[in-house]
Amino acid sequence: MIQQAETKIKQIRELKNFTQEYMAQKLGLSTRAYSKIETGETQLTINRLNEISSILEVQPMEVLGFDDKKIFNFYNSSDINNVKNINMPEKLIQQYEETIQSLKEQIQLLKLLQGK
């Protein structure tokens, strides 16, 4: 059995903004069955680790060696404008961009209304 890999898988999954439902679907499992992997109720095999690593787009050894403290310390100490390669879903990025555009339009409208 692989020790603590379940916790590391969960941390990487959350960093990538993947849901348990998404992971379960990709693995052909029910959400509950996938949840049992992350909680350690189901024993994690090497084959399953390889499948999960592939979905997370990391090497299995990176999962086993993952240290969330290093990641969070890096992001907390870095200039937010220099943070790159965060795997944000395209739909979320699009929503942010649409929200920003809408807010810009609202600001322009308020400026025009104040000028009258």
PDB file of N, CA and C in Angstrom:
ATOM      1  N   MET A   1       0.844  -1.199   0.000  1.00  0.00           N
ATOM      2  CA  MET A   1       0.000   0.000   0.000  1.00  0.00           C
ATOM      3  C   MET A   1       0.874   1.242   0.000  1.00  0.00           C
ATOM      4  N   ILE A   2       0.458   2.245  -0.727  1.00  0.00           N
ATOM      5  CA  ILE A   2       1.203   3.492  -0.832  1.00  0.00           C
ATOM      6  C   ILE A   2       0.752   4.413   0.290  1.00  0.00           C
ATOM      7  N   GLN A   3       1.680   4.832   1.149  1.00  0.00           N
ATOM      8  CA  GLN A   3       1.336   5.646   2.311  1.00  0.00           C
ATOM      9  C   GLN A   3       1.134   7.110   1.940  1.00  0.00           C
ATOM     10  N   GLN A   4       0.081   7.706   2.421  1.00  0.00           N
ATOM     11  CA  GLN A   4      -0.244   9.124   2.307  1.00  0.00           C
ATOM     12  C   GLN A   4      -0.430   9.623   0.878  1.00  0.00           C
ATOM     13  N   ALA A   5      -0.400   8.758  -0.071  1.00  0.00           N
ATOM     14  CA  ALA A   5      -0.596   9.197  -1.459  1.00  0.00           C
ATOM     15  C   ALA A   5      -2.008   9.733  -1.650  1.00  0.00           C
ATOM     16  N   GLU A   6      -2.960   9.199  -0.897  1.00  0.00           N
ATOM     17  CA  GLU A   6      -4.356   9.638  -1.032  1.00  0.00           C
ATOM     18  C   GLU A   6      -4.492  11.129  -0.746  1.00  0.00           C
ATOM     19  N   THR A   7      -3.858  11.565   0.326  1.00  0.00           N
ATOM     20  CA  THR A   7      -3.902  12.986   0.704  1.00  0.00           C
ATOM     21  C   THR A   7      -3.236  13.839  -0.362  1.00  0.00           C
ATOM     22  N   LYS A   8      -2.143  13.365  -0.888  1.00  0.00           N
ATOM     23  CA  LYS A   8      -1.417  14.118  -1.910  1.00  0.00           C
ATOM     24  C   LYS A   8      -2.220  14.207  -3.200  1.00  0.00           C
ATOM     25  N   ILE A   9      -2.909  13.129  -3.546  1.00  0.00           N
ATOM     26  CA  ILE A   9      -3.769  13.139  -4.730  1.00  0.00           C
ATOM     27  C   ILE A   9      -4.858  14.188  -4.554  1.00  0.00           C
ATOM     28  N   LYS A  10      -5.474  14.208  -3.388  1.00  0.00           N
ATOM     29  CA  LYS A  10      -6.532  15.180  -3.126  1.00  0.00           C
ATOM     30  C   LYS A  10      -6.003  16.607  -3.240  1.00  0.00           C
ATOM     31  N   GLN A  11      -4.814  16.877  -2.680  1.00  0.00           N
ATOM     32  CA  GLN A  11      -4.246  18.223  -2.723  1.00  0.00           C
ATOM     33  C   GLN A  11      -3.968  18.655  -4.158  1.00  0.00           C
ATOM     34  N   ILE A  12      -3.392  17.765  -4.942  1.00  0.00           N
ATOM     35  CA  ILE A  12      -3.091  18.097  -6.338  1.00  0.00           C
ATOM     36  C   ILE A  12      -4.389  18.307  -7.112  1.00  0.00           C
ATOM     37  N   ARG A  13      -5.367  17.438  -6.878  1.00  0.00           N
ATOM     38  CA  ARG A  13      -6.669  17.574  -7.547  1.00  0.00           C
ATOM     39  C   ARG A  13      -7.286  18.934  -7.244  1.00  0.00           C
ATOM     40  N   GLU A  14      -7.239  19.340  -5.985  1.00  0.00           N
ATOM     41  CA  GLU A  14      -7.820  20.625  -5.609  1.00  0.00           C
ATOM     42  C   GLU A  14      -7.046  21.796  -6.200  1.00  0.00           C
ATOM     43  N   LEU A  15      -5.721  21.682  -6.269  1.00  0.00           N
ATOM     44  CA  LEU A  15      -4.921  22.735  -6.890  1.00  0.00           C
ATOM     45  C   LEU A  15      -5.264  22.895  -8.366  1.00  0.00           C
ATOM     46  N   LYS A  16      -5.626  21.807  -8.987  1.00  0.00           N
ATOM     47  CA  LYS A  16      -5.981  21.848 -10.408  1.00  0.00           C
ATOM     48  C   LYS A  16      -7.447  22.196 -10.623  1.00  0.00           C
ATOM     49  N   ASN A  17      -8.179  22.424  -9.545  1.00  0.00           N
ATOM     50  CA  ASN A  17      -9.610  22.737  -9.604  1.00  0.00           C
ATOM     51  C   ASN A  17     -10.423  21.623 -10.249  1.00  0.00           C
ATOM     52  N   PHE A  18     -10.007  20.383 -10.025  1.00  0.00           N
ATOM     53  CA  PHE A  18     -10.761  19.232 -10.500  1.00  0.00           C
ATOM     54  C   PHE A  18     -11.664  18.756  -9.366  1.00  0.00           C
ATOM     55  N   THR A  19     -12.862  18.364  -9.694  1.00  0.00           N
ATOM     56  CA  THR A  19     -13.779  17.825  -8.692  1.00  0.00           C
ATOM     57  C   THR A  19     -13.607  16.317  -8.584  1.00  0.00           C
ATOM     58  N   GLN A  20     -14.126  15.768  -7.497  1.00  0.00           N
ATOM     59  CA  GLN A  20     -14.130  14.310  -7.367  1.00  0.00           C
ATOM     60  C   GLN A  20     -14.994  13.699  -8.471  1.00  0.00           C
ATOM     61  N   GLU A  21     -16.064  14.381  -8.832  1.00  0.00           N
ATOM     62  CA  GLU A  21     -16.937  13.884  -9.886  1.00  0.00           C
ATOM     63  C   GLU A  21     -16.186  13.776 -11.215  1.00  0.00           C
ATOM     64  N   TYR A  22     -15.380  14.813 -11.510  1.00  0.00           N
ATOM     65  CA  TYR A  22     -14.589  14.811 -12.743  1.00  0.00           C
ATOM     66  C   TYR A  22     -13.604  13.637 -12.745  1.00  0.00           C
ATOM     67  N   MET A  23     -12.903  13.467 -11.631  1.00  0.00           N
ATOM     68  CA  MET A  23     -11.924  12.387 -11.537  1.00  0.00           C
ATOM     69  C   MET A  23     -12.607  11.027 -11.680  1.00  0.00           C
ATOM     70  N   ALA A  24     -13.722  10.875 -10.989  1.00  0.00           N
ATOM     71  CA  ALA A  24     -14.457   9.605 -11.042  1.00  0.00           C
ATOM     72  C   ALA A  24     -14.884   9.288 -12.468  1.00  0.00           C
ATOM     73  N   GLN A  25     -15.398  10.302 -13.158  1.00  0.00           N
ATOM     74  CA  GLN A  25     -15.847  10.106 -14.536  1.00  0.00           C
ATOM     75  C   GLN A  25     -14.684   9.665 -15.422  1.00  0.00           C
ATOM     76  N   LYS A  26     -13.543  10.326 -15.285  1.00  0.00           N
ATOM     77  CA  LYS A  26     -12.371   9.986 -16.101  1.00  0.00           C
ATOM     78  C   LYS A  26     -11.876   8.564 -15.812  1.00  0.00           C
ATOM     79  N   LEU A  27     -12.046   8.121 -14.562  1.00  0.00           N
ATOM     80  CA  LEU A  27     -11.592   6.783 -14.165  1.00  0.00           C
ATOM     81  C   LEU A  27     -12.646   5.711 -14.395  1.00  0.00           C
ATOM     82  N   GLY A  28     -13.861   6.132 -14.763  1.00  0.00           N
ATOM     83  CA  GLY A  28     -14.938   5.167 -14.951  1.00  0.00           C
ATOM     84  C   GLY A  28     -15.463   4.623 -13.629  1.00  0.00           C
ATOM     85  N   LEU A  29     -15.432   5.446 -12.594  1.00  0.00           N
ATOM     86  CA  LEU A  29     -15.883   5.048 -11.262  1.00  0.00           C
ATOM     87  C   LEU A  29     -17.059   5.913 -10.837  1.00  0.00           C
ATOM     88  N   SER A  30     -17.747   5.466  -9.802  1.00  0.00           N
ATOM     89  CA  SER A  30     -18.742   6.337  -9.176  1.00  0.00           C
ATOM     90  C   SER A  30     -17.985   7.366  -8.338  1.00  0.00           C
ATOM     91  N   THR A  31     -18.645   8.465  -8.046  1.00  0.00           N
ATOM     92  CA  THR A  31     -18.019   9.494  -7.212  1.00  0.00           C
ATOM     93  C   THR A  31     -17.684   8.920  -5.845  1.00  0.00           C
ATOM     94  N   ARG A  32     -18.562   8.100  -5.307  1.00  0.00           N
ATOM     95  CA  ARG A  32     -18.314   7.493  -3.994  1.00  0.00           C
ATOM     96  C   ARG A  32     -17.085   6.595  -4.034  1.00  0.00           C
ATOM     97  N   ALA A  33     -16.933   5.815  -5.103  1.00  0.00           N
ATOM     98  CA  ALA A  33     -15.772   4.928  -5.225  1.00  0.00           C
ATOM     99  C   ALA A  33     -14.486   5.746  -5.293  1.00  0.00           C
ATOM    100  N   TYR A  34     -14.530   6.860  -6.027  1.00  0.00           N
ATOM    101  CA  TYR A  34     -13.334   7.711  -6.090  1.00  0.00           C
ATOM    102  C   TYR A  34     -13.055   8.341  -4.727  1.00  0.00           C
ATOM    103  N   SER A  35     -14.096   8.781  -4.056  1.00  0.00           N
ATOM    104  CA  SER A  35     -13.948   9.375  -2.729  1.00  0.00           C
ATOM    105  C   SER A  35     -13.255   8.413  -1.773  1.00  0.00           C
ATOM    106  N   LYS A  36     -13.589   7.142  -1.890  1.00  0.00           N
ATOM    107  CA  LYS A  36     -12.971   6.126  -1.030  1.00  0.00           C
ATOM    108  C   LYS A  36     -11.469   6.018  -1.288  1.00  0.00           C
ATOM    109  N   ILE A  37     -11.041   6.296  -2.506  1.00  0.00           N
ATOM    110  CA  ILE A  37      -9.606   6.292  -2.802  1.00  0.00           C
ATOM    111  C   ILE A  37      -8.930   7.434  -2.045  1.00  0.00           C
ATOM    112  N   GLU A  38      -9.525   8.627  -2.114  1.00  0.00           N
ATOM    113  CA  GLU A  38      -8.920   9.792  -1.464  1.00  0.00           C
ATOM    114  C   GLU A  38      -8.928   9.697   0.060  1.00  0.00           C
ATOM    115  N   THR A  39      -9.903   8.991   0.604  1.00  0.00           N
ATOM    116  CA  THR A  39      -9.959   8.868   2.063  1.00  0.00           C
ATOM    117  C   THR A  39      -9.186   7.662   2.573  1.00  0.00           C
ATOM    118  N   GLY A  40      -8.687   6.841   1.663  1.00  0.00           N
ATOM    119  CA  GLY A  40      -7.916   5.673   2.064  1.00  0.00           C
ATOM    120  C   GLY A  40      -8.766   4.459   2.391  1.00  0.00           C
ATOM    121  N   GLU A  41     -10.077   4.558   2.173  1.00  0.00           N
ATOM    122  CA  GLU A  41     -10.951   3.411   2.425  1.00  0.00           C
ATOM    123  C   GLU A  41     -10.708   2.304   1.400  1.00  0.00           C
ATOM    124  N   THR A  42     -10.302   2.706   0.200  1.00  0.00           N
ATOM    125  CA  THR A  42      -9.946   1.758  -0.848  1.00  0.00           C
ATOM    126  C   THR A  42      -8.435   1.823  -1.045  1.00  0.00           C
ATOM    127  N   GLN A  43      -7.811   0.681  -1.073  1.00  0.00           N
ATOM    128  CA  GLN A  43      -6.363   0.628  -1.233  1.00  0.00           C
ATOM    129  C   GLN A  43      -5.963   1.137  -2.616  1.00  0.00           C
ATOM    130  N   LEU A  44      -4.992   2.024  -2.642  1.00  0.00           N
ATOM    131  CA  LEU A  44      -4.487   2.598  -3.885  1.00  0.00           C
ATOM    132  C   LEU A  44      -3.426   1.676  -4.469  1.00  0.00           C
ATOM    133  N   THR A  45      -3.676   1.217  -5.683  1.00  0.00           N
ATOM    134  CA  THR A  45      -2.711   0.350  -6.359  1.00  0.00           C
ATOM    135  C   THR A  45      -1.805   1.191  -7.256  1.00  0.00           C
ATOM    136  N   ILE A  46      -0.734   0.591  -7.683  1.00  0.00           N
ATOM    137  CA  ILE A  46       0.192   1.272  -8.602  1.00  0.00           C
ATOM    138  C   ILE A  46      -0.528   1.610  -9.901  1.00  0.00           C
ATOM    139  N   ASN A  47      -1.332   0.677 -10.402  1.00  0.00           N
ATOM    140  CA  ASN A  47      -2.065   0.934 -11.649  1.00  0.00           C
ATOM    141  C   ASN A  47      -3.015   2.112 -11.500  1.00  0.00           C
ATOM    142  N   ARG A  48      -3.731   2.156 -10.378  1.00  0.00           N
ATOM    143  CA  ARG A  48      -4.672   3.254 -10.148  1.00  0.00           C
ATOM    144  C   ARG A  48      -3.917   4.568  -9.975  1.00  0.00           C
ATOM    145  N   LEU A  49      -2.774   4.530  -9.287  1.00  0.00           N
ATOM    146  CA  LEU A  49      -1.946   5.733  -9.140  1.00  0.00           C
ATOM    147  C   LEU A  49      -1.509   6.238 -10.508  1.00  0.00           C
ATOM    148  N   ASN A  50      -1.143   5.351 -11.396  1.00  0.00           N
ATOM    149  CA  ASN A  50      -0.745   5.743 -12.749  1.00  0.00           C
ATOM    150  C   ASN A  50      -1.901   6.397 -13.496  1.00  0.00           C
ATOM    151  N   GLU A  51      -3.100   5.832 -13.374  1.00  0.00           N
ATOM    152  CA  GLU A  51      -4.277   6.403 -14.035  1.00  0.00           C
ATOM    153  C   GLU A  51      -4.592   7.797 -13.491  1.00  0.00           C
ATOM    154  N   ILE A  52      -4.566   7.928 -12.173  1.00  0.00           N
ATOM    155  CA  ILE A  52      -4.869   9.214 -11.541  1.00  0.00           C
ATOM    156  C   ILE A  52      -3.812  10.248 -11.913  1.00  0.00           C
ATOM    157  N   SER A  53      -2.558   9.847 -11.897  1.00  0.00           N
ATOM    158  CA  SER A  53      -1.467  10.756 -12.257  1.00  0.00           C
ATOM    159  C   SER A  53      -1.626  11.270 -13.674  1.00  0.00           C
ATOM    160  N   SER A  54      -2.049  10.396 -14.561  1.00  0.00           N
ATOM    161  CA  SER A  54      -2.258  10.790 -15.951  1.00  0.00           C
ATOM    162  C   SER A  54      -3.344  11.853 -16.055  1.00  0.00           C
ATOM    163  N   ILE A  55      -4.439  11.675 -15.334  1.00  0.00           N
ATOM    164  CA  ILE A  55      -5.527  12.652 -15.356  1.00  0.00           C
ATOM    165  C   ILE A  55      -5.051  13.983 -14.765  1.00  0.00           C
ATOM    166  N   LEU A  56      -4.272  13.907 -13.698  1.00  0.00           N
ATOM    167  CA  LEU A  56      -3.761  15.117 -13.043  1.00  0.00           C
ATOM    168  C   LEU A  56      -2.598  15.753 -13.807  1.00  0.00           C
ATOM    169  N   GLU A  57      -2.127  15.056 -14.835  1.00  0.00           N
ATOM    170  CA  GLU A  57      -1.024  15.526 -15.683  1.00  0.00           C
ATOM    171  C   GLU A  57       0.264  15.725 -14.886  1.00  0.00           C
ATOM    172  N   VAL A  58       0.549  14.762 -14.007  1.00  0.00           N
ATOM    173  CA  VAL A  58       1.799  14.738 -13.256  1.00  0.00           C
ATOM    174  C   VAL A  58       2.321  13.304 -13.259  1.00  0.00           C
ATOM    175  N   GLN A  59       3.598  13.159 -13.018  1.00  0.00           N
ATOM    176  CA  GLN A  59       4.197  11.833 -12.928  1.00  0.00           C
ATOM    177  C   GLN A  59       3.831  11.196 -11.587  1.00  0.00           C
ATOM    178  N   PRO A  60       3.689   9.875 -11.548  1.00  0.00           N
ATOM    179  CA  PRO A  60       3.371   9.217 -10.279  1.00  0.00           C
ATOM    180  C   PRO A  60       4.358   9.557  -9.157  1.00  0.00           C
ATOM    181  N   MET A  61       5.623   9.674  -9.486  1.00  0.00           N
ATOM    182  CA  MET A  61       6.616  10.009  -8.461  1.00  0.00           C
ATOM    183  C   MET A  61       6.419  11.434  -7.955  1.00  0.00           C
ATOM    184  N   GLU A  62       5.894  12.321  -8.796  1.00  0.00           N
ATOM    185  CA  GLU A  62       5.594  13.680  -8.348  1.00  0.00           C
ATOM    186  C   GLU A  62       4.445  13.669  -7.341  1.00  0.00           C
ATOM    187  N   VAL A  63       3.491  12.765  -7.546  1.00  0.00           N
ATOM    188  CA  VAL A  63       2.394  12.634  -6.582  1.00  0.00           C
ATOM    189  C   VAL A  63       2.959  12.179  -5.245  1.00  0.00           C
ATOM    190  N   LEU A  64       3.781  11.142  -5.291  1.00  0.00           N
ATOM    191  CA  LEU A  64       4.329  10.594  -4.048  1.00  0.00           C
ATOM    192  C   LEU A  64       5.228  11.592  -3.329  1.00  0.00           C
ATOM    193  N   GLY A  65       5.918  12.435  -4.082  1.00  0.00           N
ATOM    194  CA  GLY A  65       6.828  13.410  -3.480  1.00  0.00           C
ATOM    195  C   GLY A  65       6.221  14.783  -3.300  1.00  0.00           C
ATOM    196  N   PHE A  66       4.930  14.916  -3.580  1.00  0.00           N
ATOM    197  CA  PHE A  66       4.278  16.224  -3.513  1.00  0.00           C
ATOM    198  C   PHE A  66       4.318  16.774  -2.092  1.00  0.00           C
ATOM    199  N   ASP A  67       4.745  18.029  -1.980  1.00  0.00           N
ATOM    200  CA  ASP A  67       4.787  18.705  -0.688  1.00  0.00           C
ATOM    201  C   ASP A  67       4.014  20.001  -0.809  1.00  0.00           C
ATOM    202  N   ASP A  68       2.800  20.018  -0.259  1.00  0.00           N
ATOM    203  CA  ASP A  68       1.951  21.195  -0.389  1.00  0.00           C
ATOM    204  C   ASP A  68       2.566  22.427   0.253  1.00  0.00           C
ATOM    205  N   LYS A  69       3.386  22.260   1.263  1.00  0.00           N
ATOM    206  CA  LYS A  69       4.020  23.412   1.918  1.00  0.00           C
ATOM    207  C   LYS A  69       4.930  24.157   0.954  1.00  0.00           C
ATOM    208  N   LYS A  70       5.628  23.420   0.115  1.00  0.00           N
ATOM    209  CA  LYS A  70       6.492  24.070  -0.873  1.00  0.00           C
ATOM    210  C   LYS A  70       5.670  24.854  -1.889  1.00  0.00           C
ATOM    211  N   ILE A  71       4.578  24.276  -2.335  1.00  0.00           N
ATOM    212  CA  ILE A  71       3.726  24.944  -3.317  1.00  0.00           C
ATOM    213  C   ILE A  71       3.131  26.202  -2.734  1.00  0.00           C
ATOM    214  N   PHE A  72       2.511  26.091  -1.567  1.00  0.00           N
ATOM    215  CA  PHE A  72       1.844  27.245  -0.984  1.00  0.00           C
ATOM    216  C   PHE A  72       2.841  28.305  -0.541  1.00  0.00           C
ATOM    217  N   ASN A  73       3.990  27.917  -0.050  1.00  0.00           N
ATOM    218  CA  ASN A  73       5.012  28.899   0.307  1.00  0.00           C
ATOM    219  C   ASN A  73       5.509  29.625  -0.933  1.00  0.00           C
ATOM    220  N   PHE A  74       5.649  28.909  -2.050  1.00  0.00           N
ATOM    221  CA  PHE A  74       6.084  29.536  -3.290  1.00  0.00           C
ATOM    222  C   PHE A  74       5.067  30.567  -3.749  1.00  0.00           C
ATOM    223  N   TYR A  75       3.794  30.180  -3.784  1.00  0.00           N
ATOM    224  CA  TYR A  75       2.771  31.103  -4.258  1.00  0.00           C
ATOM    225  C   TYR A  75       2.569  32.270  -3.304  1.00  0.00           C
ATOM    226  N   ASN A  76       2.720  32.043  -2.021  1.00  0.00           N
ATOM    227  CA  ASN A  76       2.556  33.130  -1.058  1.00  0.00           C
ATOM    228  C   ASN A  76       3.719  34.108  -1.122  1.00  0.00           C
ATOM    229  N   SER A  77       4.898  33.629  -1.487  1.00  0.00           N
ATOM    230  CA  SER A  77       6.059  34.510  -1.525  1.00  0.00           C
ATOM    231  C   SER A  77       6.273  35.144  -2.892  1.00  0.00           C
ATOM    232  N   SER A  78       5.559  34.685  -3.889  1.00  0.00           N
ATOM    233  CA  SER A  78       5.732  35.206  -5.248  1.00  0.00           C
ATOM    234  C   SER A  78       4.815  36.392  -5.490  1.00  0.00           C
ATOM    235  N   ASP A  79       5.273  37.254  -6.369  1.00  0.00           N
ATOM    236  CA  ASP A  79       4.427  38.347  -6.835  1.00  0.00           C
ATOM    237  C   ASP A  79       3.271  37.730  -7.608  1.00  0.00           C
ATOM    238  N   ILE A  80       2.061  38.098  -7.288  1.00  0.00           N
ATOM    239  CA  ILE A  80       0.882  37.504  -7.913  1.00  0.00           C
ATOM    240  C   ILE A  80       0.913  37.649  -9.430  1.00  0.00           C
ATOM    241  N   ASN A  81       1.526  38.703  -9.952  1.00  0.00           N
ATOM    242  CA  ASN A  81       1.596  38.894 -11.397  1.00  0.00           C
ATOM    243  C   ASN A  81       2.578  37.943 -12.067  1.00  0.00           C
ATOM    244  N   ASN A  82       3.461  37.349 -11.284  1.00  0.00           N
ATOM    245  CA  ASN A  82       4.448  36.438 -11.841  1.00  0.00           C
ATOM    246  C   ASN A  82       4.042  34.976 -11.714  1.00  0.00           C
ATOM    247  N   VAL A  83       2.906  34.692 -11.104  1.00  0.00           N
ATOM    248  CA  VAL A  83       2.457  33.313 -10.951  1.00  0.00           C
ATOM    249  C   VAL A  83       1.961  32.824 -12.301  1.00  0.00           C
ATOM    250  N   LYS A  84       2.526  31.720 -12.747  1.00  0.00           N
ATOM    251  CA  LYS A  84       2.179  31.175 -14.053  1.00  0.00           C
ATOM    252  C   LYS A  84       1.845  29.705 -13.917  1.00  0.00           C
ATOM    253  N   ASN A  85       1.271  29.157 -14.957  1.00  0.00           N
ATOM    254  CA  ASN A  85       0.999  27.735 -15.065  1.00  0.00           C
ATOM    255  C   ASN A  85       0.014  27.211 -14.032  1.00  0.00           C
ATOM    256  N   ILE A  86      -0.902  28.036 -13.578  1.00  0.00           N
ATOM    257  CA  ILE A  86      -1.962  27.531 -12.735  1.00  0.00           C
ATOM    258  C   ILE A  86      -3.004  26.954 -13.675  1.00  0.00           C
ATOM    259  N   ASN A  87      -3.348  25.727 -13.465  1.00  0.00           N
ATOM    260  CA  ASN A  87      -4.262  25.050 -14.379  1.00  0.00           C
ATOM    261  C   ASN A  87      -5.700  25.407 -14.030  1.00  0.00           C
ATOM    262  N   MET A  88      -6.158  26.531 -14.575  1.00  0.00           N
ATOM    263  CA  MET A  88      -7.523  26.959 -14.350  1.00  0.00           C
ATOM    264  C   MET A  88      -8.369  26.498 -15.526  1.00  0.00           C
ATOM    265  N   PRO A  89      -9.541  25.960 -15.246  1.00  0.00           N
ATOM    266  CA  PRO A  89     -10.406  25.540 -16.351  1.00  0.00           C
ATOM    267  C   PRO A  89     -10.723  26.717 -17.263  1.00  0.00           C
ATOM    268  N   GLU A  90     -10.770  26.442 -18.560  1.00  0.00           N
ATOM    269  CA  GLU A  90     -11.008  27.479 -19.566  1.00  0.00           C
ATOM    270  C   GLU A  90     -12.326  28.213 -19.312  1.00  0.00           C
ATOM    271  N   LYS A  91     -13.352  27.472 -18.884  1.00  0.00           N
ATOM    272  CA  LYS A  91     -14.654  28.085 -18.622  1.00  0.00           C
ATOM    273  C   LYS A  91     -14.551  29.111 -17.493  1.00  0.00           C
ATOM    274  N   LEU A  92     -13.773  28.799 -16.448  1.00  0.00           N
ATOM    275  CA  LEU A  92     -13.594  29.723 -15.334  1.00  0.00           C
ATOM    276  C   LEU A  92     -12.869  30.981 -15.794  1.00  0.00           C
ATOM    277  N   ILE A  93     -11.856  30.831 -16.609  1.00  0.00           N
ATOM    278  CA  ILE A  93     -11.121  31.976 -17.148  1.00  0.00           C
ATOM    279  C   ILE A  93     -12.064  32.851 -17.963  1.00  0.00           C
ATOM    280  N   GLN A  94     -12.884  32.216 -18.793  1.00  0.00           N
ATOM    281  CA  GLN A  94     -13.840  32.959 -19.620  1.00  0.00           C
ATOM    282  C   GLN A  94     -14.826  33.727 -18.744  1.00  0.00           C
ATOM    283  N   GLN A  95     -15.310  33.101 -17.668  1.00  0.00           N
ATOM    284  CA  GLN A  95     -16.236  33.776 -16.759  1.00  0.00           C
ATOM    285  C   GLN A  95     -15.586  34.995 -16.111  1.00  0.00           C
ATOM    286  N   TYR A  96     -14.334  34.854 -15.696  1.00  0.00           N
ATOM    287  CA  TYR A  96     -13.615  35.984 -15.106  1.00  0.00           C
ATOM    288  C   TYR A  96     -13.471  37.126 -16.109  1.00  0.00           C
ATOM    289  N   GLU A  97     -13.105  36.772 -17.338  1.00  0.00           N
ATOM    290  CA  GLU A  97     -12.926  37.798 -18.358  1.00  0.00           C
ATOM    291  C   GLU A  97     -14.244  38.514 -18.665  1.00  0.00           C
ATOM    292  N   GLU A  98     -15.338  37.761 -18.724  1.00  0.00           N
ATOM    293  CA  GLU A  98     -16.649  38.372 -18.966  1.00  0.00           C
ATOM    294  C   GLU A  98     -17.048  39.279 -17.808  1.00  0.00           C
ATOM    295  N   THR A  99     -16.770  38.851 -16.594  1.00  0.00           N
ATOM    296  CA  THR A  99     -17.079  39.663 -15.417  1.00  0.00           C
ATOM    297  C   THR A  99     -16.269  40.950 -15.422  1.00  0.00           C
ATOM    298  N   ILE A 100     -15.004  40.855 -15.753  1.00  0.00           N
ATOM    299  CA  ILE A 100     -14.145  42.046 -15.817  1.00  0.00           C
ATOM    300  C   ILE A 100     -14.667  43.011 -16.866  1.00  0.00           C
ATOM    301  N   GLN A 101     -15.028  42.491 -18.039  1.00  0.00           N
ATOM    302  CA  GLN A 101     -15.547  43.345 -19.101  1.00  0.00           C
ATOM    303  C   GLN A 101     -16.846  44.022 -18.666  1.00  0.00           C
ATOM    304  N   SER A 102     -17.716  43.280 -18.025  1.00  0.00           N
ATOM    305  CA  SER A 102     -18.977  43.844 -17.545  1.00  0.00           C
ATOM    306  C   SER A 102     -18.733  44.945 -16.514  1.00  0.00           C
ATOM    307  N   LEU A 103     -17.802  44.721 -15.614  1.00  0.00           N
ATOM    308  CA  LEU A 103     -17.483  45.732 -14.605  1.00  0.00           C
ATOM    309  C   LEU A 103     -16.893  46.991 -15.237  1.00  0.00           C
ATOM    310  N   LYS A 104     -16.061  46.810 -16.254  1.00  0.00           N
ATOM    311  CA  LYS A 104     -15.509  47.971 -16.958  1.00  0.00           C
ATOM    312  C   LYS A 104     -16.624  48.787 -17.601  1.00  0.00           C
ATOM    313  N   GLU A 105     -17.581  48.097 -18.194  1.00  0.00           N
ATOM    314  CA  GLU A 105     -18.705  48.790 -18.821  1.00  0.00           C
ATOM    315  C   GLU A 105     -19.544  49.527 -17.783  1.00  0.00           C
ATOM    316  N   GLN A 106     -19.746  48.916 -16.633  1.00  0.00           N
ATOM    317  CA  GLN A 106     -20.500  49.561 -15.559  1.00  0.00           C
ATOM    318  C   GLN A 106     -19.775  50.802 -15.042  1.00  0.00           C
ATOM    319  N   ILE A 107     -18.464  50.724 -14.943  1.00  0.00           N
ATOM    320  CA  ILE A 107     -17.673  51.877 -14.499  1.00  0.00           C
ATOM    321  C   ILE A 107     -17.820  53.021 -15.490  1.00  0.00           C
ATOM    322  N   GLN A 108     -17.733  52.714 -16.780  1.00  0.00           N
ATOM    323  CA  GLN A 108     -17.882  53.753 -17.806  1.00  0.00           C
ATOM    324  C   GLN A 108     -19.259  54.399 -17.731  1.00  0.00           C
ATOM    325  N   LEU A 109     -20.297  53.585 -17.536  1.00  0.00           N
ATOM    326  CA  LEU A 109     -21.654  54.111 -17.431  1.00  0.00           C
ATOM    327  C   LEU A 109     -21.793  55.024 -16.211  1.00  0.00           C
ATOM    328  N   LEU A 110     -21.234  54.603 -15.085  1.00  0.00           N
ATOM    329  CA  LEU A 110     -21.296  55.434 -13.882  1.00  0.00           C
ATOM    330  C   LEU A 110     -20.553  56.753 -14.068  1.00  0.00           C
ATOM    331  N   LYS A 111     -19.434  56.704 -14.763  1.00  0.00           N
ATOM    332  CA  LYS A 111     -18.678  57.927 -15.041  1.00  0.00           C
ATOM    333  C   LYS A 111     -19.507  58.883 -15.907  1.00  0.00           C
ATOM    334  N   LEU A 112     -20.184  58.326 -16.896  1.00  0.00           N
ATOM    335  CA  LEU A 112     -21.036  59.156 -17.743  1.00  0.00           C
ATOM    336  C   LEU A 112     -22.203  59.751 -16.962  1.00  0.00           C
ATOM    337  N   LEU A 113     -22.810  58.960 -16.099  1.00  0.00           N
ATOM    338  CA  LEU A 113     -23.929  59.453 -15.296  1.00  0.00           C
ATOM    339  C   LEU A 113     -23.499  60.528 -14.311  1.00  0.00           C
ATOM    340  N   GLN A 114     -22.305  60.407 -13.767  1.00  0.00           N
ATOM    341  CA  GLN A 114     -21.797  61.419 -12.830  1.00  0.00           C
ATOM    342  C   GLN A 114     -21.481  62.716 -13.550  1.00  0.00           C
ATOM    343  N   GLY A 115     -21.098  62.627 -14.790  1.00  0.00           N
ATOM    344  CA  GLY A 115     -20.745  63.822 -15.559  1.00  0.00           C
ATOM    345  C   GLY A 115     -21.945  64.662 -15.931  1.00  0.00           C
ATOM    346  N   LYS A 116     -23.126  64.125 -15.876  1.00  0.00           N
ATOM    347  CA  LYS A 116     -24.345  64.878 -16.269  1.00  0.00           C
ATOM    348  C   LYS A 116     -24.904  65.646 -15.129  1.00  0.00           C
TER     349      LYS A 116
END
